[in-house]
Structure formats: structure tokens, C-alpha cells
Protein backbone atom coordinates (compact mmCIF):
# COMPACT_ATOMS: atom_id res chain seq x y z
CA MET A 1 -117.40 -25.52 0.32
CA HIS A 2 -118.66 -23.41 3.13
CA THR A 3 -116.00 -22.36 5.70
CA SER A 4 -115.64 -20.02 8.48
CA PHE A 5 -112.94 -17.53 9.44
CA ASP A 6 -110.74 -17.65 12.52
CA PRO A 7 -111.73 -14.21 14.01
CA LYS A 8 -108.34 -13.28 14.92
CA MET A 9 -106.87 -14.19 11.50
CA ASP A 10 -109.75 -12.41 9.76
CA ARG A 11 -109.12 -9.12 11.70
CA THR A 12 -105.45 -9.09 10.46
CA MET A 13 -106.48 -9.70 6.90
CA SER A 14 -109.27 -7.12 6.27
CA GLN A 15 -110.70 -3.95 7.78
CA PRO A 16 -113.83 -4.45 9.94
CA ALA A 17 -117.14 -3.74 8.18
CA ALA A 18 -119.43 -1.09 9.46
CA ARG A 19 -121.42 -1.87 12.68
CA GLY A 20 -124.73 -3.60 11.93
CA SER A 21 -123.69 -4.97 8.60
CA PRO A 22 -124.02 -8.75 8.13
CA GLU A 23 -120.25 -9.20 7.18
CA ASN A 24 -119.11 -8.26 10.75
CA MET A 25 -122.04 -7.71 12.99
CA THR A 26 -121.73 -7.09 16.74
CA LEU A 27 -124.60 -7.92 18.96
CA CYS A 28 -124.68 -5.69 21.86
CA GLU A 29 -120.87 -5.80 21.35
CA ARG A 30 -121.08 -9.53 22.72
CA SER A 31 -121.91 -11.67 19.46
CA GLN A 32 -120.42 -11.56 16.02
CA THR A 33 -121.83 -12.53 12.45
CA ARG A 34 -119.38 -13.25 9.84
CA LYS A 35 -120.15 -13.90 6.13
CA VAL A 36 -118.33 -16.70 4.51
CA ALA A 37 -119.40 -17.78 1.07
CA GLY A 38 -123.08 -17.40 1.72
CA VAL A 39 -122.93 -18.81 5.26
CA ALA A 40 -122.76 -16.56 8.39
CA VAL A 41 -121.35 -17.73 11.77
CA MET A 42 -123.33 -16.11 14.65
CA LYS A 43 -121.40 -16.20 17.76
CA LEU A 44 -122.93 -15.29 21.08
CA ARG A 45 -120.70 -13.00 23.30
CA LYS A 46 -122.62 -11.81 26.36
CA PRO A 47 -120.48 -12.38 29.41
CA PRO A 48 -120.67 -14.12 31.75
CA VAL A 49 -123.20 -16.76 30.45
CA ASN A 50 -124.75 -15.43 27.24
CA SER A 51 -128.08 -14.96 29.04
CA LEU A 52 -131.02 -13.88 26.80
CA SER A 53 -131.54 -10.43 28.03
CA LEU A 54 -134.02 -7.98 26.31
CA GLU A 55 -131.10 -6.23 24.50
CA LEU A 56 -129.64 -9.43 23.22
CA LEU A 57 -132.84 -10.95 22.19
CA THR A 58 -133.63 -7.74 20.20
CA GLU A 59 -130.27 -7.68 18.52
CA LEU A 60 -130.46 -11.32 17.52
CA VAL A 61 -133.92 -10.73 15.90
CA ILE A 62 -132.49 -7.60 14.11
CA SER A 63 -129.44 -9.72 12.97
CA LEU A 64 -131.54 -12.49 11.60
CA GLU A 65 -133.64 -10.10 9.77
CA LYS A 66 -130.68 -8.47 8.12
CA LEU A 67 -129.21 -11.84 7.10
CA GLU A 68 -132.71 -12.88 5.67
CA ASN A 69 -132.91 -9.78 3.70
CA ASP A 70 -129.52 -10.14 2.20
CA LYS A 71 -129.96 -12.60 -0.77
CA SER A 72 -126.25 -13.48 -0.52
CA PHE A 73 -126.88 -15.50 2.69
CA GLN A 74 -128.32 -18.98 2.58
CA GLY A 75 -127.47 -20.29 6.02
CA VAL A 76 -126.42 -19.41 9.54
CA ILE A 77 -124.44 -21.37 12.08
CA ILE A 78 -125.25 -20.20 15.48
CA THR A 79 -122.57 -20.98 18.11
CA SER A 80 -120.88 -19.38 21.11
CA ASP A 81 -117.72 -17.21 21.40
CA SER A 82 -117.70 -16.98 25.20
CA PRO A 83 -115.27 -19.30 26.83
CA GLY A 84 -117.26 -22.27 28.48
CA ILE A 85 -120.57 -20.89 27.73
CA PHE A 86 -123.39 -21.49 25.05
CA SER A 87 -126.34 -19.84 26.73
CA ALA A 88 -127.80 -19.79 30.20
CA GLY A 89 -131.20 -19.13 28.65
CA LEU A 90 -133.62 -16.59 29.74
CA ASP A 91 -132.22 -13.74 31.78
CA LEU A 92 -133.44 -13.91 35.40
CA MET A 93 -132.86 -10.25 35.90
CA GLU A 94 -135.43 -9.24 33.20
CA MET A 95 -138.01 -11.16 35.20
CA CYS A 96 -137.51 -10.19 38.76
CA GLY A 97 -138.36 -6.70 40.45
CA ARG A 98 -139.64 -5.14 37.27
CA ASP A 99 -143.03 -3.85 36.29
CA PRO A 100 -145.70 -5.67 34.24
CA ALA A 101 -145.07 -3.51 31.14
CA HIS A 102 -141.35 -4.63 31.14
CA TYR A 103 -142.27 -8.27 31.68
CA ALA A 104 -144.74 -7.96 28.67
CA GLU A 105 -142.01 -6.30 26.54
CA TYR A 106 -139.54 -9.04 27.44
CA TRP A 107 -141.76 -11.86 26.81
CA LYS A 108 -142.76 -10.51 23.40
CA ALA A 109 -139.05 -10.41 22.41
CA VAL A 110 -138.70 -14.05 23.46
CA GLN A 111 -141.63 -14.95 21.24
CA GLU A 112 -140.19 -12.91 18.42
CA LEU A 113 -136.95 -14.57 18.55
CA TRP A 114 -138.49 -18.06 18.40
CA LEU A 115 -140.80 -17.09 15.50
CA ARG A 116 -137.79 -15.60 13.55
CA LEU A 117 -135.85 -18.71 14.08
CA TYR A 118 -138.43 -21.27 13.60
CA LEU A 119 -139.85 -19.77 10.26
CA SER A 120 -136.62 -18.51 8.87
CA HIS A 121 -136.08 -19.36 5.20
CA LEU A 122 -132.38 -19.66 6.07
CA VAL A 123 -130.76 -23.01 6.87
CA LEU A 124 -130.04 -22.63 10.79
CA ILE A 125 -127.47 -25.02 12.27
CA CYS A 126 -126.93 -24.81 16.04
CA ALA A 127 -123.45 -25.80 17.15
CA VAL A 128 -123.48 -26.24 20.88
CA ASN A 129 -119.83 -26.33 21.63
CA VAL A 130 -119.50 -25.31 25.32
CA SER A 131 -121.32 -25.45 28.50
CA VAL A 132 -123.46 -23.14 30.53
CA PRO A 133 -124.88 -23.00 34.18
CA SER A 134 -127.64 -25.84 34.68
CA PRO A 135 -130.41 -23.59 36.05
CA ILE A 136 -133.33 -22.55 33.77
CA LEU A 137 -132.60 -18.89 34.22
CA SER A 138 -129.25 -16.98 34.16
CA ARG A 139 -127.31 -15.80 37.06
CA PRO A 140 -127.15 -12.02 37.83
CA ALA A 141 -125.12 -9.96 35.33
CA ASP A 142 -122.72 -8.87 38.18
CA SER A 143 -121.77 -12.31 39.23
CA PRO A 144 -118.45 -13.00 37.48
CA GLY A 145 -117.80 -16.18 35.49
CA PRO A 146 -119.83 -19.43 35.10
CA ALA A 147 -121.54 -20.91 38.17
CA PRO A 148 -119.70 -23.31 40.28
CA GLY A 149 -120.09 -26.84 39.06
CA ALA A 150 -121.61 -25.68 35.75
CA GLN A 151 -123.09 -28.56 34.03
CA GLY A 152 -125.74 -27.57 31.46
CA VAL A 153 -125.16 -26.84 27.88
CA SER A 154 -128.45 -25.40 27.01
CA PRO A 155 -131.28 -25.32 29.69
CA ALA A 156 -134.66 -23.67 28.85
CA GLY A 157 -134.35 -20.58 26.78
CA GLY A 158 -130.84 -21.71 25.41
CA CYS A 159 -132.51 -25.16 24.39
CA LEU A 160 -135.50 -23.30 22.82
CA LEU A 161 -133.05 -21.37 20.76
CA ALA A 162 -131.46 -24.60 19.54
CA LEU A 163 -134.77 -26.18 18.88
CA GLY A 164 -135.72 -23.37 16.65
CA CYS A 165 -132.80 -24.35 14.21
CA ASP A 166 -132.87 -26.83 11.57
CA TYR A 167 -130.23 -29.09 12.89
CA ARG A 168 -128.33 -29.32 16.21
CA ILE A 169 -124.87 -30.45 16.87
CA LEU A 170 -123.75 -31.17 20.53
CA ALA A 171 -120.16 -31.49 21.85
CA ASP A 172 -119.51 -34.97 23.42
CA ASN A 173 -118.66 -33.96 27.05
CA PRO A 174 -120.49 -35.79 29.82
CA LYS A 175 -120.78 -32.51 31.77
CA TYR A 176 -122.93 -31.03 28.98
CA THR A 177 -126.68 -31.20 29.05
CA ILE A 178 -129.62 -29.73 27.13
CA GLY A 179 -133.32 -29.73 27.76
CA LEU A 180 -136.32 -27.67 29.14
CA ASN A 181 -136.03 -27.85 32.90
CA GLU A 182 -138.63 -25.32 33.94
CA THR A 183 -140.43 -27.66 36.30
CA GLN A 184 -137.19 -27.92 38.40
CA LEU A 185 -137.75 -24.31 39.45
CA GLY A 186 -141.49 -24.44 39.84
CA ILE A 187 -142.21 -22.89 36.40
CA VAL A 188 -144.44 -24.34 33.76
CA ALA A 189 -143.06 -24.30 30.08
CA PRO A 190 -145.32 -22.27 27.72
CA PHE A 191 -147.33 -24.29 25.24
CA TRP A 192 -145.19 -23.18 22.26
CA PHE A 193 -141.91 -24.46 24.21
CA ALA A 194 -143.86 -27.77 24.58
CA ASP A 195 -145.11 -27.85 20.91
CA THR A 196 -141.60 -27.49 19.83
CA LEU A 197 -140.24 -30.23 21.85
CA VAL A 198 -143.15 -32.52 20.86
CA ASN A 199 -142.30 -31.78 17.19
CA THR A 200 -138.56 -32.70 17.82
CA ILE A 201 -138.69 -35.73 19.96
CA GLY A 202 -142.31 -37.13 20.01
CA HIS A 203 -145.27 -36.59 22.37
CA ARG A 204 -144.44 -39.29 25.03
CA ALA A 205 -140.72 -38.37 25.30
CA ALA A 206 -141.52 -34.78 25.51
CA GLU A 207 -144.24 -35.24 28.25
CA ARG A 208 -141.81 -37.02 30.36
CA ALA A 209 -139.04 -34.61 29.67
CA LEU A 210 -141.16 -31.66 30.55
CA GLN A 211 -142.83 -33.04 33.63
CA LEU A 212 -139.57 -34.05 35.15
CA GLY A 213 -137.42 -30.96 33.87
CA LEU A 214 -134.91 -33.28 32.39
CA LEU A 215 -131.51 -32.09 31.15
CA PHE A 216 -130.14 -34.60 28.73
CA PRO A 217 -126.33 -35.51 28.53
CA PRO A 218 -125.00 -35.95 24.88
CA ALA A 219 -125.69 -39.68 24.49
CA GLU A 220 -129.09 -39.48 25.75
CA ALA A 221 -129.87 -36.39 24.05
CA LEU A 222 -128.90 -37.99 20.68
CA ARG A 223 -130.99 -41.21 21.48
CA VAL A 224 -134.23 -39.18 22.08
CA GLY A 225 -133.52 -36.84 19.16
CA ILE A 226 -133.20 -33.52 20.86
CA VAL A 227 -129.91 -33.20 19.07
CA ASP A 228 -128.96 -34.54 15.57
CA GLN A 229 -125.36 -35.35 16.12
CA VAL A 230 -122.86 -35.71 18.91
CA VAL A 231 -119.16 -35.09 18.05
CA PRO A 232 -115.85 -34.47 19.83
CA GLU A 233 -115.63 -30.86 20.95
CA ASP A 234 -112.88 -30.07 18.59
CA GLN A 235 -115.01 -31.19 15.65
CA VAL A 236 -118.31 -29.30 16.35
CA GLN A 237 -117.53 -26.32 14.00
CA SER A 238 -116.08 -28.32 11.16
CA THR A 239 -119.14 -30.70 11.43
CA ALA A 240 -121.46 -27.74 11.32
CA ARG A 241 -119.77 -26.61 7.99
CA SER A 242 -120.01 -30.05 6.64
CA VAL A 243 -123.78 -30.33 7.54
CA MET A 244 -124.39 -26.92 6.03
CA ALA A 245 -123.02 -28.02 2.78
CA GLN A 246 -125.39 -30.89 2.73
CA TRP A 247 -128.37 -28.89 3.52
CA LEU A 248 -127.58 -26.15 0.88
CA ALA A 249 -127.11 -28.78 -1.74
CA VAL A 250 -130.86 -29.17 -1.79
CA PRO A 251 -132.81 -26.76 -4.06
CA GLY A 252 -133.66 -23.75 -1.78
CA HIS A 253 -137.25 -23.19 -2.78
CA ALA A 254 -138.13 -26.84 -2.27
CA ARG A 255 -136.46 -26.93 1.05
CA GLN A 256 -138.00 -23.69 2.18
CA LEU A 257 -141.53 -24.73 1.20
CA THR A 258 -141.14 -28.02 3.02
CA LYS A 259 -139.83 -26.30 6.12
CA ASN A 260 -142.85 -23.95 6.10
CA LEU A 261 -145.22 -27.06 5.57
CA MET A 262 -143.79 -28.74 8.52
CA ARG A 263 -143.58 -25.76 10.91
CA LYS A 264 -146.43 -23.23 10.00
CA ALA A 265 -149.12 -24.89 12.10
CA THR A 266 -147.11 -24.74 15.14
CA ALA A 267 -146.12 -21.03 14.66
CA ASP A 268 -149.68 -20.20 13.85
CA ARG A 269 -150.66 -21.57 17.12
CA LEU A 270 -148.63 -18.89 18.97
CA LEU A 271 -149.48 -16.18 16.62
CA LYS A 272 -153.14 -16.63 17.13
CA GLN A 273 -152.62 -16.60 20.93
CA ARG A 274 -149.64 -14.37 21.22
CA ASP A 275 -151.41 -11.50 23.24
CA ALA A 276 -152.82 -14.06 25.64
CA ASP A 277 -149.62 -15.84 25.97
CA ILE A 278 -147.84 -12.44 26.91
CA GLN A 279 -150.80 -11.84 29.42
CA ASN A 280 -150.39 -15.28 31.02
CA PHE A 281 -146.58 -14.90 31.40
CA VAL A 282 -146.98 -11.41 33.04
CA SER A 283 -149.69 -12.69 35.40
CA PHE A 284 -147.64 -15.69 36.41
CA ILE A 285 -144.24 -13.94 36.71
CA SER A 286 -145.79 -11.25 38.77
CA ARG A 287 -147.13 -13.39 41.50
CA ASP A 288 -145.64 -12.72 44.97
CA SER A 289 -144.75 -16.46 45.43
CA ILE A 290 -142.74 -16.40 42.13
CA GLN A 291 -141.14 -13.20 42.64
CA LYS A 292 -139.95 -14.25 46.16
CA SER A 293 -138.61 -17.53 44.58
CA LEU A 294 -136.70 -15.51 42.07
CA HIS A 295 -135.21 -13.39 44.77
CA VAL A 296 -133.97 -16.23 46.86
CA TYR A 297 -132.53 -17.82 43.71
CA ILE A 298 -130.53 -14.50 42.97
CA GLU A 299 -129.35 -14.15 46.40
CA LYS A 300 -127.91 -17.88 46.50
CA LEU A 301 -126.17 -17.25 43.13
CA GLN A 302 -124.62 -14.01 44.48
CA LYS A 303 -123.46 -15.81 47.61
CA LYS A 304 -121.64 -18.52 45.47
CA LYS A 305 -118.01 -18.08 44.96
CA VAL A 306 -116.25 -18.85 41.74
């Protein structure tokens, strides 16, 4: 039986492990990973909206690598520890007003996290239990709290994080949505974003979703297959543990080889074009028109009142 700790209870029962160890890992002091009977629970904790900054991306990759190298771990449940937030996705501040070298470093980190998730030999279950602002990019770090009228569970980068996992569970709340909504802000999803979505929901559904920048509410997300299960909010974590037990009941070597068989071609496509993909991103994000749009968007967020 694979269970997880109540973090408050756990702190009263044992001394915390050293920083950086899988048993009690702190990601930029905003995310935690705790070991429970071979299963880690990785909790995103980067206020205000768990945006995927360069720092957090790097810490997530390092954390996953540590878990993969620890033979006592077989699976990871990825969820959020921030009230009302899963992940706002890619960090807007990493892509605005910086130099090309920084853009390249940031995009390489985005690629690396996806590759680490998509090809991991661990069972990865994404438990989307809370909501985030609906835009593709996160609001500035100095803007307190979730955006007014927050509706999206997992847009763009947050959705990609979920799609990299083996199984996705979404809380049943009509305010929650999930999808790749790049076109809504005039941005084109990279080919490997698109490939991942096609592999998950099929070509026609993915084409429509990408062109329209759709964010799916729970029932629709389940219907198209972008999530595997929708459950009441208070059952997300228990469902994730039950599903994990089912996946770990399968012989690990057979499951891992099958996963690699199904995913390797998609990952190889990015690996063969990785440098070109970085160059394309840098060229696109550096355009004056794109930078102007991002600046305007930041200003709008900063003017909003909680």
C-alpha cells in the first residue's frame, strides 16, 4: 500500500532529512519531495502561482534525477502544495527584457524537464488538485496572490508538465481547466508540445485544441483524453495513491520497456532538433513585437487588484 504523509504530522514525528536528499527535498524552498514506501510526493511550492522559472525548472530536473538514481523509489506523485495553485506554466519574467543567452538557457531547461519527465523509468502520476491563472504565462513574481478571476488549472507549461506524466488526475471543479493555449496570446506551440498532445488525445482533437488555444474544463478534458480521471477535490490524493498501486503492480522492467517503446520516437525528434528548437525560440521571443506584447501583458497584470 503506497501512502503519503501529512507534512505537518511528519514534521512532528521525525527530524527533517538533509537538504537535497529525496526523503525531504526542498525545491528552491518552494517544493517538497517525501519518500513513502517507494513513492515520492513532489509538491510544487513557488508562490504565488508555481510558475516555471529557470530556478524551479533546474531544481525539478535535479530532484527527478536524484529520485531516479535512488533504487528504493519506483514512482512519483506530482502535485501542488501552494493554496489554490497547481502551475501557471512558463514564467513570463524569464522571457521578457532578457538577453538571447538567457532565453536560450531558459528554453534548454524547459526542454530538459520535459525529456526527464517523458522518458523517466519511474511511474509519474500528476495530481492536479488546485487552480491557476488562465493565461499561458505566469504573472510577475511581485504580483501578490492568484490573478483575479483565476480559472485555469494547468495552461501551457503546466499542462506540458502534466502531459509528461504517465497518468493525470484532475479535480472536478468547473472553474478548473487544462490545455495548451499558446495561440490565445499569439504564440505558437513548439512541435514537441504538439507531438505530446497528439500522442495523448489524437491528431484531429489536438489540431483543433492547438489552433483554438482551448482550455478544457474537467468533463471535457476527460472526454477528449487529456486527463485520465476526474474526481472530487478531496479525493485527488487518495485516488493518486490507488492508481500508483495499480501501476506498480505491473513488473517494472516490462512496463519501463513498453514506456520507452511508446515514447522514444517522440523524444528522439526533439533530441535531434534540440539546438534548432532553442534557436527558433530565441529568435521568436526576441522579436520586438513579441517583447512589446509581453510588456503590455505584464503591465496589465501589475495593474490588477487582488
